[in-house]
């Protein structure tokens, strides 16, 4: 179970990071 929870936390963190980078790129390009 702990491994599954850790995997979910990592995937959520990666998605948040990608979204943050994407918005940052839009702000820089705009």
PDB file of N, CA and C in Angstrom:
ATOM      1  N   UNK A   1       0.828  -1.219   0.000  1.00  0.00           N
ATOM      2  CA  UNK A   1       0.000   0.000   0.000  1.00  0.00           C
ATOM      3  C   UNK A   1       0.861   1.268   0.000  1.00  0.00           C
ATOM      4  N   UNK A   2       1.877   1.371   0.876  1.00  0.00           N
ATOM      5  CA  UNK A   2       2.701   2.590   0.900  1.00  0.00           C
ATOM      6  C   UNK A   2       3.311   2.893  -0.466  1.00  0.00           C
ATOM      7  N   UNK A   3       3.699   1.825  -1.198  1.00  0.00           N
ATOM      8  CA  UNK A   3       4.295   2.035  -2.525  1.00  0.00           C
ATOM      9  C   UNK A   3       3.270   2.668  -3.461  1.00  0.00           C
ATOM     10  N   UNK A   4       2.024   2.203  -3.378  1.00  0.00           N
ATOM     11  CA  UNK A   4       0.972   2.746  -4.246  1.00  0.00           C
ATOM     12  C   UNK A   4       0.733   4.214  -3.911  1.00  0.00           C
ATOM     13  N   UNK A   5       0.674   4.520  -2.615  1.00  0.00           N
ATOM     14  CA  UNK A   5       0.442   5.904  -2.189  1.00  0.00           C
ATOM     15  C   UNK A   5       1.594   6.791  -2.671  1.00  0.00           C
ATOM     16  N   UNK A   6       2.827   6.279  -2.534  1.00  0.00           N
ATOM     17  CA  UNK A   6       3.993   7.058  -2.979  1.00  0.00           C
ATOM     18  C   UNK A   6       3.912   7.307  -4.481  1.00  0.00           C
ATOM     19  N   UNK A   7       3.478   6.307  -5.232  1.00  0.00           N
ATOM     20  CA  UNK A   7       3.350   6.460  -6.685  1.00  0.00           C
ATOM     21  C   UNK A   7       2.327   7.533  -7.030  1.00  0.00           C
ATOM     22  N   UNK A   8       1.204   7.547  -6.308  1.00  0.00           N
ATOM     23  CA  UNK A   8       0.180   8.559  -6.560  1.00  0.00           C
ATOM     24  C   UNK A   8       0.716   9.948  -6.249  1.00  0.00           C
ATOM     25  N   UNK A   9       1.458  10.072  -5.151  1.00  0.00           N
ATOM     26  CA  UNK A   9       2.009  11.380  -4.771  1.00  0.00           C
ATOM     27  C   UNK A   9       2.983  11.865  -5.836  1.00  0.00           C
ATOM     28  N   UNK A  10       3.834  10.962  -6.320  1.00  0.00           N
ATOM     29  CA  UNK A  10       4.823  11.338  -7.337  1.00  0.00           C
ATOM     30  C   UNK A  10       4.127  11.760  -8.626  1.00  0.00           C
ATOM     31  N   UNK A  11       3.129  10.987  -9.054  1.00  0.00           N
ATOM     32  CA  UNK A  11       2.432  11.312 -10.303  1.00  0.00           C
ATOM     33  C   UNK A  11       1.714  12.655 -10.179  1.00  0.00           C
ATOM     34  N   UNK A  12       1.105  12.907  -9.012  1.00  0.00           N
ATOM     35  CA  UNK A  12       0.412  14.179  -8.801  1.00  0.00           C
ATOM     36  C   UNK A  12       1.405  15.330  -8.830  1.00  0.00           C
ATOM     37  N   UNK A  13       2.568  15.126  -8.213  1.00  0.00           N
ATOM     38  CA  UNK A  13       3.591  16.180  -8.199  1.00  0.00           C
ATOM     39  C   UNK A  13       4.085  16.460  -9.610  1.00  0.00           C
ATOM     40  N   UNK A  14       4.281  15.395 -10.399  1.00  0.00           N
ATOM     41  CA  UNK A  14       4.758  15.580 -11.773  1.00  0.00           C
ATOM     42  C   UNK A  14       3.722  16.341 -12.592  1.00  0.00           C
ATOM     43  N   UNK A  15       2.449  15.993 -12.447  1.00  0.00           N
ATOM     44  CA  UNK A  15       1.403  16.683 -13.200  1.00  0.00           C
ATOM     45  C   UNK A  15       1.356  18.156 -12.828  1.00  0.00           C
ATOM     46  N   UNK A  16       1.471  18.448 -11.525  1.00  0.00           N
ATOM     47  CA  UNK A  16       1.446  19.838 -11.076  1.00  0.00           C
ATOM     48  C   UNK A  16       2.643  20.594 -11.635  1.00  0.00           C
ATOM     49  N   UNK A  17       3.811  19.951 -11.626  1.00  0.00           N
ATOM     50  CA  UNK A  17       5.021  20.600 -12.140  1.00  0.00           C
ATOM     51  C   UNK A  17       4.879  20.879 -13.636  1.00  0.00           C
ATOM     52  N   UNK A  18       4.369  19.897 -14.390  1.00  0.00           N
ATOM     53  CA  UNK A  18       4.196  20.092 -15.832  1.00  0.00           C
ATOM     54  C   UNK A  18       3.221  21.230 -16.100  1.00  0.00           C
ATOM     55  N   UNK A  19       2.136  21.288 -15.337  1.00  0.00           N
ATOM     56  CA  UNK A  19       1.146  22.347 -15.522  1.00  0.00           C
ATOM     57  C   UNK A  19       1.762  23.709 -15.211  1.00  0.00           C
ATOM     58  N   UNK A  20       2.575  23.760 -14.144  1.00  0.00           N
ATOM     59  CA  UNK A  20       3.223  25.017 -13.761  1.00  0.00           C
ATOM     60  C   UNK A  20       4.188  25.470 -14.852  1.00  0.00           C
ATOM     61  N   UNK A  21       4.978  24.528 -15.385  1.00  0.00           N
ATOM     62  CA  UNK A  21       5.934  24.865 -16.448  1.00  0.00           C
ATOM     63  C   UNK A  21       5.191  25.324 -17.698  1.00  0.00           C
ATOM     64  N   UNK A  22       4.097  24.666 -18.023  1.00  0.00           N
ATOM     65  CA  UNK A  22       3.325  25.022 -19.212  1.00  0.00           C
ATOM     66  C   UNK A  22       2.783  26.443 -19.082  1.00  0.00           C
ATOM     67  N   UNK A  23       2.220  26.785 -17.931  1.00  0.00           N
ATOM     68  CA  UNK A  23       1.681  28.135 -17.724  1.00  0.00           C
ATOM     69  C   UNK A  23       2.812  29.155 -17.758  1.00  0.00           C
ATOM     70  N   UNK A  24       3.980  28.785 -17.216  1.00  0.00           N
ATOM     71  CA  UNK A  24       5.123  29.703 -17.219  1.00  0.00           C
ATOM     72  C   UNK A  24       5.562  29.975 -18.656  1.00  0.00           C
ATOM     73  N   UNK A  25       5.581  28.940 -19.490  1.00  0.00           N
ATOM     74  CA  UNK A  25       5.969  29.125 -20.891  1.00  0.00           C
ATOM     75  C   UNK A  25       4.978  30.050 -21.587  1.00  0.00           C
ATOM     76  N   UNK A  26       3.692  29.886 -21.315  1.00  0.00           N
ATOM     77  CA  UNK A  26       2.687  30.742 -21.943  1.00  0.00           C
ATOM     78  C   UNK A  26       2.899  32.193 -21.530  1.00  0.00           C
ATOM     79  N   UNK A  27       3.200  32.418 -20.252  1.00  0.00           N
ATOM     80  CA  UNK A  27       3.417  33.782 -19.769  1.00  0.00           C
ATOM     81  C   UNK A  27       4.651  34.387 -20.431  1.00  0.00           C
ATOM     82  N   UNK A  28       5.717  33.587 -20.570  1.00  0.00           N
ATOM     83  CA  UNK A  28       6.959  34.098 -21.166  1.00  0.00           C
ATOM     84  C   UNK A  28       6.744  34.406 -22.654  1.00  0.00           C
ATOM     85  N   UNK A  29       6.060  33.521 -23.355  1.00  0.00           N
ATOM     86  CA  UNK A  29       5.859  33.712 -24.793  1.00  0.00           C
ATOM     87  C   UNK A  29       4.882  34.859 -25.056  1.00  0.00           C
ATOM     88  N   UNK A  30       3.952  35.087 -24.140  1.00  0.00           N
ATOM     89  CA  UNK A  30       2.943  36.130 -24.325  1.00  0.00           C
ATOM     90  C   UNK A  30       3.471  37.510 -23.960  1.00  0.00           C
TER      91      UNK A  30
END
